[in-house]
Protein backbone atom coordinates (compact mmCIF):
# COMPACT_ATOMS: atom_id res chain seq x y z
CA UNK A 1 82.51 61.05 22.53
CA UNK A 2 85.43 60.00 24.75
CA UNK A 3 86.12 56.94 22.57
CA UNK A 4 86.80 59.14 19.56
CA UNK A 5 88.14 62.27 21.23
CA UNK A 6 90.65 60.88 23.71
CA UNK A 7 92.60 58.67 21.29
CA UNK A 8 92.85 61.53 18.78
CA UNK A 9 94.05 63.95 21.47
CA UNK A 10 96.62 61.44 22.68
CA UNK A 11 97.78 60.86 19.11
CA UNK A 12 98.21 64.60 18.70
CA UNK A 13 100.43 64.83 21.79
CA UNK A 14 102.19 61.46 21.49
CA UNK A 15 102.13 60.47 17.79
CA UNK A 16 104.81 57.78 18.07
CA UNK A 17 103.09 55.98 20.96
CA UNK A 18 99.75 55.52 19.23
CA UNK A 19 99.55 53.36 16.14
CA UNK A 20 97.01 53.48 13.34
CA UNK A 21 95.68 50.49 11.47
CA UNK A 22 95.71 50.13 7.66
CA UNK A 23 92.53 52.21 7.31
CA UNK A 24 93.96 55.11 9.37
CA UNK A 25 91.90 54.38 12.47
CA UNK A 26 93.65 54.58 15.80
CA UNK A 27 94.03 51.16 17.39
CA UNK A 28 92.53 50.63 20.82
CA UNK A 29 95.03 50.68 23.65
CA UNK A 30 94.25 47.87 26.05
CA UNK A 31 94.12 49.07 29.65
CA UNK A 32 94.20 52.78 28.80
CA UNK A 33 90.87 53.42 30.53
CA UNK A 34 92.05 51.66 33.69
CA UNK A 35 95.31 53.62 33.75
CA UNK A 36 93.49 56.92 33.19
CA UNK A 37 91.00 56.19 35.99
CA UNK A 38 93.85 55.38 38.41
CA UNK A 39 95.72 58.56 37.43
CA UNK A 40 92.52 60.61 37.80
CA UNK A 41 91.74 59.18 41.26
CA UNK A 42 95.30 59.77 42.44
CA UNK A 43 95.29 63.30 41.08
CA UNK A 44 91.97 64.15 42.73
CA UNK A 45 93.16 62.64 46.03
CA UNK A 46 96.42 64.53 45.92
CA UNK A 47 94.75 67.85 45.09
CA UNK A 48 92.11 67.42 47.79
CA UNK A 49 94.74 66.56 50.38
CA UNK A 50 96.64 69.71 49.51
CA UNK A 51 93.66 71.96 49.97
CA UNK A 52 91.31 70.21 52.40
CA UNK A 53 93.66 68.52 54.86
CA UNK A 54 95.95 71.52 55.08
CA UNK A 55 93.03 73.84 55.71
CA UNK A 56 91.46 71.50 58.28
CA UNK A 57 94.74 71.17 60.18
CA UNK A 58 95.20 74.95 60.11
CA UNK A 59 91.61 75.45 61.30
CA UNK A 60 91.95 73.08 64.27
CA UNK A 61 95.38 74.51 65.04
CA UNK A 62 93.89 78.02 65.28
CA UNK A 63 90.95 76.78 67.37
CA UNK A 64 93.26 75.06 69.87
CA UNK A 65 95.64 78.03 70.01
CA UNK A 66 92.74 80.40 70.77
CA UNK A 67 90.99 78.25 73.37
CA UNK A 68 91.64 79.52 76.92
CA UNK A 69 93.30 76.93 79.14
CA UNK A 70 94.18 74.65 76.25
CA UNK A 71 96.21 77.38 74.56
CA UNK A 72 99.11 77.16 77.02
CA UNK A 73 99.33 73.37 77.02
CA UNK A 74 98.78 72.97 73.27
CA UNK A 75 101.32 75.65 72.37
CA UNK A 76 103.96 74.20 74.67
CA UNK A 77 103.43 70.62 73.46
CA UNK A 78 103.42 71.76 69.83
CA UNK A 79 106.69 73.67 70.26
CA UNK A 80 108.24 70.74 72.14
CA UNK A 81 107.27 68.24 69.42
CA UNK A 82 108.50 70.56 66.67
CA UNK A 83 111.82 70.78 68.49
CA UNK A 84 112.11 66.98 68.26
CA UNK A 85 110.63 66.19 64.86
CA UNK A 86 109.67 69.34 63.05
CA UNK A 87 111.62 71.78 60.93
CA UNK A 88 112.94 73.53 64.04
CA UNK A 89 114.97 70.60 65.38
CA UNK A 90 116.55 71.92 68.56
CA UNK A 91 117.78 68.69 70.16
CA UNK A 92 120.63 68.07 67.75
CA UNK A 93 123.64 68.79 70.00
CA UNK A 94 124.04 66.01 72.60
CA UNK A 95 126.31 66.86 75.54
CA UNK A 96 127.37 65.66 78.96
CA UNK A 97 126.53 68.25 81.59
CA UNK A 98 127.81 68.42 85.16
CA UNK A 99 125.14 69.86 87.44
CA UNK A 100 125.12 67.87 90.68
CA UNK A 101 128.52 66.68 91.86
CA UNK A 102 132.01 66.73 90.37
CA UNK A 103 131.87 63.14 89.13
CA UNK A 104 128.19 63.02 88.13
CA UNK A 105 127.31 63.78 84.51
CA UNK A 106 123.92 63.88 82.80
CA UNK A 107 123.19 63.48 79.10
CA UNK A 108 121.43 66.52 77.72
CA UNK A 109 120.99 68.66 74.64
CA UNK A 110 122.12 72.23 74.11
CA UNK A 111 119.08 74.27 73.16
CA UNK A 112 120.75 77.70 73.27
CA UNK A 113 124.42 78.57 73.00
CA UNK A 114 123.88 81.92 74.69
CA UNK A 115 121.95 82.60 77.90
CA UNK A 116 122.34 86.38 77.74
CA UNK A 117 118.55 86.73 78.02
CA UNK A 118 119.08 85.76 81.66
CA UNK A 119 122.18 87.98 82.12
CA UNK A 120 124.45 84.91 81.89
CA UNK A 121 126.63 85.46 78.83
CA UNK A 122 129.11 82.66 79.58
CA UNK A 123 126.39 80.06 80.09
CA UNK A 124 124.49 77.71 77.78
CA UNK A 125 120.97 76.30 78.08
CA UNK A 126 120.86 72.49 78.34
CA UNK A 127 117.72 70.34 78.33
CA UNK A 128 118.05 67.02 80.19
CA UNK A 129 115.18 64.59 79.45
CA UNK A 130 113.85 62.16 82.04
CA UNK A 131 113.83 58.41 81.51
CA UNK A 132 110.57 56.95 80.15
CA UNK A 133 108.82 60.31 80.23
CA UNK A 134 108.19 63.31 78.05
CA UNK A 135 109.36 65.58 80.82
CA UNK A 136 112.81 66.90 81.56
CA UNK A 137 114.79 69.62 83.30
CA UNK A 138 116.30 72.73 81.76
CA UNK A 139 119.62 73.88 83.21
CA UNK A 140 121.56 77.06 82.61
CA UNK A 141 125.17 76.09 83.24
CA UNK A 142 128.63 77.55 82.66
CA UNK A 143 130.08 76.49 79.30
CA UNK A 144 133.01 74.74 80.98
CA UNK A 145 130.62 72.30 82.67
CA UNK A 146 129.46 70.98 79.29
CA UNK A 147 131.24 68.35 77.16
CA UNK A 148 130.03 67.73 73.60
CA UNK A 149 129.28 64.12 72.62
CA UNK A 150 130.76 64.22 69.13
CA UNK A 151 130.86 60.45 68.65
CA UNK A 152 127.16 59.88 69.42
CA UNK A 153 124.26 61.12 67.30
CA UNK A 154 121.47 63.14 68.88
CA UNK A 155 119.03 60.31 68.13
CA UNK A 156 121.15 57.70 69.91
CA UNK A 157 121.77 60.01 72.86
CA UNK A 158 118.02 60.60 73.21
CA UNK A 159 117.23 56.86 72.97
CA UNK A 160 119.89 56.09 75.60
CA UNK A 161 118.63 58.79 77.97
CA UNK A 162 114.91 58.11 77.61
CA UNK A 163 115.45 54.35 78.02
CA UNK A 164 117.27 54.92 81.29
CA UNK A 165 120.55 53.67 79.84
CA UNK A 166 119.16 50.29 78.79
CA UNK A 167 119.57 50.78 75.02
CA UNK A 168 123.02 50.28 73.47
CA UNK A 169 124.59 53.36 71.94
CA UNK A 170 125.89 53.10 68.39
CA UNK A 171 128.96 55.28 68.17
CA UNK A 172 129.37 57.19 64.94
CA UNK A 173 132.54 58.24 63.23
CA UNK A 174 133.23 61.92 63.53
CA UNK A 175 131.97 63.83 60.52
CA UNK A 176 134.58 65.86 58.60
């Protein structure tokens, strides 16, 4: 059934691609079955990944978010990772921040331009990561104690900070 039906259907949709012999029969297309099987397998895989994987991830996400004890840790780690790599990238403004002594500066990232939630309108919130760790310190500092690092990308600033200053920093030209 497929031998007769499929070539005729294809000829109906793509008449210039499929040739007929002198008797009007459609010529066999070498490799058509192989190509169709590959397309079918890819299509089934793609469709199943859309429905199944997405639903499984959502299911486990809800389970972890509703599990007492794990909920706090999982939610915090999830938000932290989304700030780095997800759609909510928060660590995209590298700065130098002065928090200890006049001549000591730390590399950090502005996470909020306004700290009015803490009754500090002229302050910004800066996250300073630790070297070789996933931890860091959050400071609320006056705006004048923060210098933007316009010539260094957020990625290079993070690599430099997390490596403890071992990695070279590639300076970037200022974007117009």
